[in-house]
C-alpha atoms as a PDB file:
ATOM      1  CA  MET A   1      -0.066  -0.013   0.019  1.00  0.00           C
ATOM      2  CA  VAL A   2       1.249   3.510  -0.899  1.00  0.00           C
ATOM      3  CA  LYS A   3       1.788   5.974   1.965  1.00  0.00           C
ATOM      4  CA  ILE A   4       1.357   9.705   1.351  1.00  0.00           C
ATOM      5  CA  ASP A   5       1.448  12.577   3.774  1.00  0.00           C
ATOM      6  CA  LYS A   6      -0.974  15.457   4.273  1.00  0.00           C
ATOM      7  CA  LEU A   7       0.833  17.707   1.752  1.00  0.00           C
ATOM      8  CA  ASP A   8       0.605  15.008  -0.958  1.00  0.00           C
ATOM      9  CA  GLN A   9      -3.056  14.586  -0.114  1.00  0.00           C
ATOM     10  CA  GLU A  10      -3.735  18.374  -0.330  1.00  0.00           C
ATOM     11  CA  ILE A  11      -1.867  18.623  -3.672  1.00  0.00           C
ATOM     12  CA  MET A  12      -4.051  15.723  -5.110  1.00  0.00           C
ATOM     13  CA  LEU A  13      -7.266  17.176  -3.776  1.00  0.00           C
ATOM     14  CA  ASP A  14      -6.585  20.609  -5.216  1.00  0.00           C
ATOM     15  CA  LEU A  15      -5.508  19.243  -8.590  1.00  0.00           C
ATOM     16  CA  GLN A  16      -8.789  17.253  -8.831  1.00  0.00           C
ATOM     17  CA  LYS A  17     -10.583  20.523  -8.546  1.00  0.00           C
ATOM     18  CA  ASN A  18      -8.351  22.401 -10.903  1.00  0.00           C
ATOM     19  CA  GLY A  19      -5.824  20.270 -12.831  1.00  0.00           C
ATOM     20  CA  ARG A  20      -4.349  23.354 -14.567  1.00  0.00           C
ATOM     21  CA  ARG A  21      -3.273  25.109 -11.343  1.00  0.00           C
ATOM     22  CA  SER A  22       0.330  26.169 -11.571  1.00  0.00           C
ATOM     23  CA  TYR A  23       3.156  25.046  -9.206  1.00  0.00           C
ATOM     24  CA  MET A  24       3.372  28.631  -7.974  1.00  0.00           C
ATOM     25  CA  ASP A  25      -0.299  28.898  -7.131  1.00  0.00           C
ATOM     26  CA  LEU A  26      -0.240  25.475  -5.444  1.00  0.00           C
ATOM     27  CA  ALA A  27       2.838  26.504  -3.461  1.00  0.00           C
ATOM     28  CA  LYS A  28       1.220  29.769  -2.285  1.00  0.00           C
ATOM     29  CA  MET A  29      -2.059  28.093  -1.306  1.00  0.00           C
ATOM     30  CA  LEU A  30      -0.234  25.331   0.575  1.00  0.00           C
ATOM     31  CA  HIS A  31       2.441  27.610   2.199  1.00  0.00           C
ATOM     32  CA  VAL A  32       5.389  25.725   0.745  1.00  0.00           C
ATOM     33  CA  THR A  33       8.006  26.457  -1.930  1.00  0.00           C
ATOM     34  CA  GLU A  34       7.364  25.965  -5.589  1.00  0.00           C
ATOM     35  CA  GLY A  35      10.233  23.477  -5.605  1.00  0.00           C
ATOM     36  CA  THR A  36       8.521  21.427  -2.886  1.00  0.00           C
ATOM     37  CA  VAL A  37       5.331  21.250  -5.089  1.00  0.00           C
ATOM     38  CA  ARG A  38       7.369  20.409  -8.198  1.00  0.00           C
ATOM     39  CA  ASN A  39       9.265  17.605  -6.394  1.00  0.00           C
ATOM     40  CA  ARG A  40       6.125  16.204  -4.798  1.00  0.00           C
ATOM     41  CA  LEU A  41       4.255  16.048  -8.075  1.00  0.00           C
ATOM     42  CA  LYS A  42       7.210  14.505  -9.849  1.00  0.00           C
ATOM     43  CA  ARG A  43       7.334  11.789  -7.184  1.00  0.00           C
ATOM     44  CA  LEU A  44       3.561  11.211  -7.322  1.00  0.00           C
ATOM     45  CA  LEU A  45       3.693  10.878 -11.146  1.00  0.00           C
ATOM     46  CA  ASP A  46       6.879   8.779 -11.156  1.00  0.00           C
ATOM     47  CA  GLN A  47       5.421   6.332  -8.620  1.00  0.00           C
ATOM     48  CA  GLY A  48       2.205   6.074 -10.603  1.00  0.00           C
ATOM     49  CA  ILE A  49       0.110   7.425  -7.679  1.00  0.00           C
ATOM     50  CA  ILE A  50      -1.472   9.940  -9.936  1.00  0.00           C
ATOM     51  CA  ARG A  51      -1.555  10.614 -13.660  1.00  0.00           C
ATOM     52  CA  VAL A  52      -2.356  13.611 -15.724  1.00  0.00           C
ATOM     53  CA  THR A  53      -5.092  13.308 -18.274  1.00  0.00           C
ATOM     54  CA  ALA A  54      -7.687  15.328 -20.153  1.00  0.00           C
ATOM     55  CA  ILE A  55     -11.226  14.179 -19.561  1.00  0.00           C
ATOM     56  CA  PRO A  56     -13.707  15.275 -22.232  1.00  0.00           C
ATOM     57  CA  ASP A  57     -17.334  16.046 -21.296  1.00  0.00           C
ATOM     58  CA  LEU A  58     -18.970  13.371 -23.455  1.00  0.00           C
ATOM     59  CA  GLU A  59     -22.411  14.907 -23.075  1.00  0.00           C
ATOM     60  CA  LYS A  60     -21.095  17.933 -24.989  1.00  0.00           C
ATOM     61  CA  PHE A  61     -20.431  15.589 -27.866  1.00  0.00           C
ATOM     62  CA  GLY A  62     -23.878  14.205 -27.717  1.00  0.00           C
ATOM     63  CA  TYR A  63     -23.269  11.078 -25.627  1.00  0.00           C
ATOM     64  CA  GLY A  64     -25.969  11.719 -23.107  1.00  0.00           C
ATOM     65  CA  PHE A  65     -27.456   8.155 -22.823  1.00  0.00           C
ATOM     66  CA  MET A  66     -25.934   5.717 -20.384  1.00  0.00           C
ATOM     67  CA  GLY A  67     -26.835   2.109 -19.942  1.00  0.00           C
ATOM     68  CA  ILE A  68     -25.455  -0.311 -17.356  1.00  0.00           C
ATOM     69  CA  VAL A  69     -25.535  -3.916 -18.576  1.00  0.00           C
ATOM     70  CA  GLY A  70     -25.168  -6.999 -16.525  1.00  0.00           C
ATOM     71  CA  ILE A  71     -23.895  -9.780 -18.706  1.00  0.00           C
ATOM     72  CA  GLN A  72     -23.911 -13.585 -18.095  1.00  0.00           C
ATOM     73  CA  THR A  73     -21.579 -15.721 -20.144  1.00  0.00           C
ATOM     74  CA  ARG A  74     -19.935 -19.114 -20.060  1.00  0.00           C
ATOM     75  CA  LEU A  75     -16.958 -19.036 -17.710  1.00  0.00           C
ATOM     76  CA  ALA A  76     -14.800 -20.835 -20.225  1.00  0.00           C
ATOM     77  CA  ASP A  77     -15.207 -17.913 -22.617  1.00  0.00           C
ATOM     78  CA  LEU A  78     -14.709 -15.115 -20.055  1.00  0.00           C
ATOM     79  CA  ARG A  79     -11.517 -13.711 -21.590  1.00  0.00           C
ATOM     80  CA  SER A  80     -12.766 -13.979 -25.078  1.00  0.00           C
ATOM     81  CA  VAL A  81     -16.052 -12.118 -24.298  1.00  0.00           C
ATOM     82  CA  ALA A  82     -14.087  -9.408 -22.400  1.00  0.00           C
ATOM     83  CA  GLU A  83     -11.726  -8.914 -25.327  1.00  0.00           C
ATOM     84  CA  GLN A  84     -14.638  -8.707 -27.819  1.00  0.00           C
ATOM     85  CA  LEU A  85     -16.673  -6.240 -25.725  1.00  0.00           C
ATOM     86  CA  ALA A  86     -13.619  -4.075 -24.964  1.00  0.00           C
ATOM     87  CA  LYS A  87     -13.120  -3.442 -28.658  1.00  0.00           C
ATOM     88  CA  TYR A  88     -16.272  -1.347 -28.807  1.00  0.00           C
ATOM     89  CA  PRO A  89     -15.751   2.333 -28.057  1.00  0.00           C
ATOM     90  CA  ASN A  90     -19.189   2.765 -26.630  1.00  0.00           C
ATOM     91  CA  VAL A  91     -18.263   0.289 -23.854  1.00  0.00           C
ATOM     92  CA  CYS A  92     -16.507   2.799 -21.589  1.00  0.00           C
ATOM     93  CA  TYR A  93     -16.300   0.524 -18.542  1.00  0.00           C
ATOM     94  CA  LEU A  94     -16.157  -3.341 -18.361  1.00  0.00           C
ATOM     95  CA  ALA A  95     -15.503  -5.258 -15.207  1.00  0.00           C
ATOM     96  CA  ASN A  96     -15.564  -8.937 -14.333  1.00  0.00           C
ATOM     97  CA  VAL A  97     -17.679  -9.108 -11.219  1.00  0.00           C
ATOM     98  CA  THR A  98     -19.036 -11.675  -8.788  1.00  0.00           C
ATOM     99  CA  GLY A  99     -22.695 -12.472  -8.288  1.00  0.00           C
ATOM    100  CA  GLN A 100     -25.420 -13.006 -10.849  1.00  0.00           C
ATOM    101  CA  TYR A 101     -23.401 -11.652 -13.758  1.00  0.00           C
ATOM    102  CA  GLU A 102     -19.898 -12.261 -15.044  1.00  0.00           C
ATOM    103  CA  PHE A 103     -19.620  -8.653 -16.325  1.00  0.00           C
ATOM    104  CA  LEU A 104     -20.902  -5.207 -15.671  1.00  0.00           C
ATOM    105  CA  ALA A 105     -20.570  -2.767 -18.511  1.00  0.00           C
ATOM    106  CA  ILE A 106     -21.228   0.947 -18.871  1.00  0.00           C
ATOM    107  CA  VAL A 107     -22.321   1.720 -22.433  1.00  0.00           C
ATOM    108  CA  LEU A 108     -22.547   5.375 -23.570  1.00  0.00           C
ATOM    109  CA  THR A 109     -24.569   6.314 -26.666  1.00  0.00           C
ATOM    110  CA  ARG A 110     -26.167   9.399 -28.139  1.00  0.00           C
ATOM    111  CA  SER A 111     -29.635   8.099 -27.732  1.00  0.00           C
ATOM    112  CA  SER A 112     -31.914   5.309 -26.511  1.00  0.00           C
ATOM    113  CA  LYS A 113     -32.326   4.208 -30.095  1.00  0.00           C
ATOM    114  CA  GLU A 114     -28.518   3.935 -30.555  1.00  0.00           C
ATOM    115  CA  PHE A 115     -28.316   1.983 -27.277  1.00  0.00           C
ATOM    116  CA  ALA A 116     -31.039  -0.356 -28.504  1.00  0.00           C
ATOM    117  CA  SER A 117     -29.163  -0.827 -31.678  1.00  0.00           C
ATOM    118  CA  PHE A 118     -25.948  -1.655 -29.739  1.00  0.00           C
ATOM    119  CA  MET A 119     -27.868  -4.232 -27.673  1.00  0.00           C
ATOM    120  CA  GLU A 120     -29.502  -5.774 -30.656  1.00  0.00           C
ATOM    121  CA  SER A 121     -26.442  -6.033 -32.905  1.00  0.00           C
ATOM    122  CA  VAL A 122     -23.325  -6.288 -30.699  1.00  0.00           C
ATOM    123  CA  ILE A 123     -24.590  -8.561 -27.899  1.00  0.00           C
ATOM    124  CA  PRO A 124     -26.104 -11.261 -30.133  1.00  0.00           C
ATOM    125  CA  ALA A 125     -22.909 -11.333 -32.242  1.00  0.00           C
ATOM    126  CA  ILE A 126     -21.070 -12.818 -29.155  1.00  0.00           C
ATOM    127  CA  PRO A 127     -22.457 -16.380 -28.896  1.00  0.00           C
ATOM    128  CA  SER A 128     -21.088 -16.963 -25.481  1.00  0.00           C
ATOM    129  CA  ILE A 129     -23.309 -14.342 -23.906  1.00  0.00           C
ATOM    130  CA  SER A 130     -26.354 -16.120 -22.529  1.00  0.00           C
ATOM    131  CA  ARG A 131     -28.251 -13.305 -20.845  1.00  0.00           C
ATOM    132  CA  THR A 132     -28.157  -9.613 -20.161  1.00  0.00           C
ATOM    133  CA  GLU A 133     -29.995  -7.285 -17.854  1.00  0.00           C
ATOM    134  CA  THR A 134     -30.043  -3.565 -18.732  1.00  0.00           C
ATOM    135  CA  PHE A 135     -30.314  -0.640 -16.384  1.00  0.00           C
ATOM    136  CA  VAL A 136     -30.975   2.738 -17.966  1.00  0.00           C
ATOM    137  CA  THR A 137     -29.465   5.682 -16.144  1.00  0.00           C
ATOM    138  CA  LEU A 138     -32.088   8.360 -15.415  1.00  0.00           C
ATOM    139  CA  ASN A 139     -30.033  10.840 -13.339  1.00  0.00           C
ATOM    140  CA  ILE A 140     -26.421  10.836 -12.268  1.00  0.00           C
ATOM    141  CA  TYR A 141     -25.806  12.296  -8.841  1.00  0.00           C
ATOM    142  CA  LYS A 142     -22.104  11.574  -8.485  1.00  0.00           C
ATOM    143  CA  GLY A 143     -19.480  10.994 -11.161  1.00  0.00           C
ATOM    144  CA  ARG A 144     -19.973  11.951 -14.787  1.00  0.00           C
ATOM    145  CA  GLY A 145     -19.448   9.785 -17.822  1.00  0.00           C
ATOM    146  CA  ASN A 146     -16.123   8.079 -17.477  1.00  0.00           C
ATOM    147  CA  VAL A 147     -15.080  10.059 -14.363  1.00  0.00           C
ATOM    148  CA  LEU A 148     -15.310   8.439 -10.953  1.00  0.00           C
ATOM    149  CA  GLU A 149     -15.693  10.871  -8.058  1.00  0.00           C
ATOM    150  CA  THR A 150     -12.737  10.106  -5.909  1.00  0.00           C
ATOM    151  CA  ALA A 151     -12.094  13.358  -4.004  1.00  0.00           C
ATOM    152  CA  GLN A 152     -13.818  12.037  -0.890  1.00  0.00           C
ATOM    153  CA  LEU A 153     -11.747   8.927  -0.903  1.00  0.00           C
ATOM    154  CA  ILE A 154      -8.500  10.907  -1.191  1.00  0.00           C
ATOM    155  CA  GLY A 155      -9.611  13.260   1.520  1.00  0.00           C
ATOM    156  CA  GLY A 156     -10.151  10.264   3.778  1.00  0.00           C
ATOM    157  CA  LEU A 157      -6.847   8.505   3.105  1.00  0.00           C
ATOM    158  CA  GLU A 158      -4.646   7.737   6.058  1.00  0.00           C
ATOM    159  CA  THR A 159      -1.550   9.754   5.678  1.00  0.00           C
ATOM    160  CA  ALA A 160       1.938   9.361   7.005  1.00  0.00           C
ATOM    161  CA  GLN A 161       3.168  12.166   9.176  1.00  0.00           C
ATOM    162  CA  PRO A 162       5.741  14.352   7.460  1.00  0.00           C
ATOM    163  CA  LYS A 163       9.376  13.787   8.431  1.00  0.00           C
ATOM    164  CA  LYS A 164      10.758  16.483  10.665  1.00  0.00           C
END
């Protein structure tokens, strides 16, 4: 498990709110030097604790319809089904899970009609899929599109005490 201190945590929390904030602005806000912020960010990036990425607002591109699909399949074909489903760009999340289904998928489309077309053409083309259950998203209260809301988790991480 990775250990971070309070300063690392504060840097990550602030960058989640504004990923374009400068080293200088972060340093002023956190009452440390710019070099400290630069070194901390370099270490967080180098260790793979955080990564910098641009996250488009897919609704602005017309992808406002989200369906969550539970998928049952033969266990012997698990990897094959995962590989086939992962090829489709509309499948923006795919996880092998326990319980009634082998997979949960989040599928983004422009409309319910496009989602229906996906379900009618893509799913039947994978013969190992035996059953699906579809949940249509009505309202999203936390997390948008392919962005999981993690600020509260980061805010609650146990942190190591800074070295004196």
